[in-house]
């Protein structure tokens, strides 16, 4: 789960970067999909860290 959380965090960061770039280019569809990826993956990472801590406990 630890490596998966790191990968999901990277996807969330890339979603945030893509959202900012899409806002600069005024691409509505890009804003929607990038923000959705940022919100979903970012929320998963946040709740996983909140629930299990970082690094996650095994038991």
C-alpha atoms as a PDB file:
ATOM      1  CA  UNK A   1       0.000   0.000   0.000  1.00  0.00           C
ATOM      2  CA  UNK A   2       2.930   2.311   0.650  1.00  0.00           C
ATOM      3  CA  UNK A   3       4.180   2.377  -2.945  1.00  0.00           C
ATOM      4  CA  UNK A   4       0.632   2.644  -4.273  1.00  0.00           C
ATOM      5  CA  UNK A   5       0.055   5.687  -2.069  1.00  0.00           C
ATOM      6  CA  UNK A   6       3.194   7.344  -3.459  1.00  0.00           C
ATOM      7  CA  UNK A   7       2.060   6.684  -7.033  1.00  0.00           C
ATOM      8  CA  UNK A   8      -1.419   8.063  -6.305  1.00  0.00           C
ATOM      9  CA  UNK A   9       0.161  11.150  -4.710  1.00  0.00           C
ATOM     10  CA  UNK A  10       2.165  11.727  -7.887  1.00  0.00           C
ATOM     11  CA  UNK A  11      -1.015  11.417  -9.969  1.00  0.00           C
ATOM     12  CA  UNK A  12      -2.677  13.979  -7.687  1.00  0.00           C
ATOM     13  CA  UNK A  13       0.237  16.393  -8.083  1.00  0.00           C
ATOM     14  CA  UNK A  14       0.197  15.965 -11.854  1.00  0.00           C
ATOM     15  CA  UNK A  15      -3.561  16.584 -11.803  1.00  0.00           C
ATOM     16  CA  UNK A  16      -2.985  19.844  -9.933  1.00  0.00           C
ATOM     17  CA  UNK A  17      -0.292  20.913 -12.387  1.00  0.00           C
ATOM     18  CA  UNK A  18      -2.559  20.024 -15.307  1.00  0.00           C
ATOM     19  CA  UNK A  19      -5.415  21.992 -13.766  1.00  0.00           C
ATOM     20  CA  UNK A  20      -3.236  25.092 -13.479  1.00  0.00           C
ATOM     21  CA  UNK A  21      -2.026  24.724 -17.062  1.00  0.00           C
ATOM     22  CA  UNK A  22      -5.576  24.206 -18.318  1.00  0.00           C
ATOM     23  CA  UNK A  23      -6.736  27.338 -16.511  1.00  0.00           C
ATOM     24  CA  UNK A  24      -3.961  29.306 -18.223  1.00  0.00           C
ATOM     25  CA  UNK A  25      -5.002  27.905 -21.627  1.00  0.00           C
ATOM     26  CA  UNK A  26      -8.733  28.271 -20.845  1.00  0.00           C
ATOM     27  CA  UNK A  27      -9.445  24.630 -21.727  1.00  0.00           C
ATOM     28  CA  UNK A  28     -12.684  23.789 -19.919  1.00  0.00           C
ATOM     29  CA  UNK A  29     -12.556  20.022 -20.466  1.00  0.00           C
ATOM     30  CA  UNK A  30      -8.936  19.913 -19.314  1.00  0.00           C
ATOM     31  CA  UNK A  31      -9.852  21.813 -16.164  1.00  0.00           C
ATOM     32  CA  UNK A  32     -12.692  19.411 -15.380  1.00  0.00           C
ATOM     33  CA  UNK A  33     -10.764  16.166 -15.891  1.00  0.00           C
ATOM     34  CA  UNK A  34      -7.543  17.345 -14.267  1.00  0.00           C
ATOM     35  CA  UNK A  35      -9.367  18.697 -11.234  1.00  0.00           C
ATOM     36  CA  UNK A  36     -11.382  15.476 -10.950  1.00  0.00           C
ATOM     37  CA  UNK A  37      -8.168  13.416 -10.986  1.00  0.00           C
ATOM     38  CA  UNK A  38      -6.601  15.750  -8.419  1.00  0.00           C
ATOM     39  CA  UNK A  39      -9.653  15.595  -6.148  1.00  0.00           C
ATOM     40  CA  UNK A  40     -10.159  11.811  -6.282  1.00  0.00           C
ATOM     41  CA  UNK A  41      -6.536  10.737  -5.954  1.00  0.00           C
ATOM     42  CA  UNK A  42      -5.667  13.514  -3.508  1.00  0.00           C
ATOM     43  CA  UNK A  43      -8.606  12.599  -1.277  1.00  0.00           C
ATOM     44  CA  UNK A  44      -7.594   8.932  -1.332  1.00  0.00           C
ATOM     45  CA  UNK A  45      -4.015   9.762  -0.346  1.00  0.00           C
ATOM     46  CA  UNK A  46      -5.140  12.175   2.386  1.00  0.00           C
ATOM     47  CA  UNK A  47      -7.584   9.717   3.924  1.00  0.00           C
ATOM     48  CA  UNK A  48      -5.075   6.842   3.727  1.00  0.00           C
ATOM     49  CA  UNK A  49      -2.445   8.892   5.537  1.00  0.00           C
ATOM     50  CA  UNK A  50      -5.026  10.059   8.078  1.00  0.00           C
ATOM     51  CA  UNK A  51      -6.273   6.530   8.728  1.00  0.00           C
ATOM     52  CA  UNK A  52      -3.043   4.493   8.648  1.00  0.00           C
ATOM     53  CA  UNK A  53      -0.382   7.120   9.176  1.00  0.00           C
ATOM     54  CA  UNK A  54       2.792   7.494   7.182  1.00  0.00           C
ATOM     55  CA  UNK A  55       4.482   5.087   6.897  1.00  0.00           C
ATOM     56  CA  UNK A  56       1.412   2.872   7.238  1.00  0.00           C
ATOM     57  CA  UNK A  57       1.297   0.459  10.150  1.00  0.00           C
ATOM     58  CA  UNK A  58       1.053  -3.207   9.269  1.00  0.00           C
ATOM     59  CA  UNK A  59      -1.299  -4.166  12.111  1.00  0.00           C
END
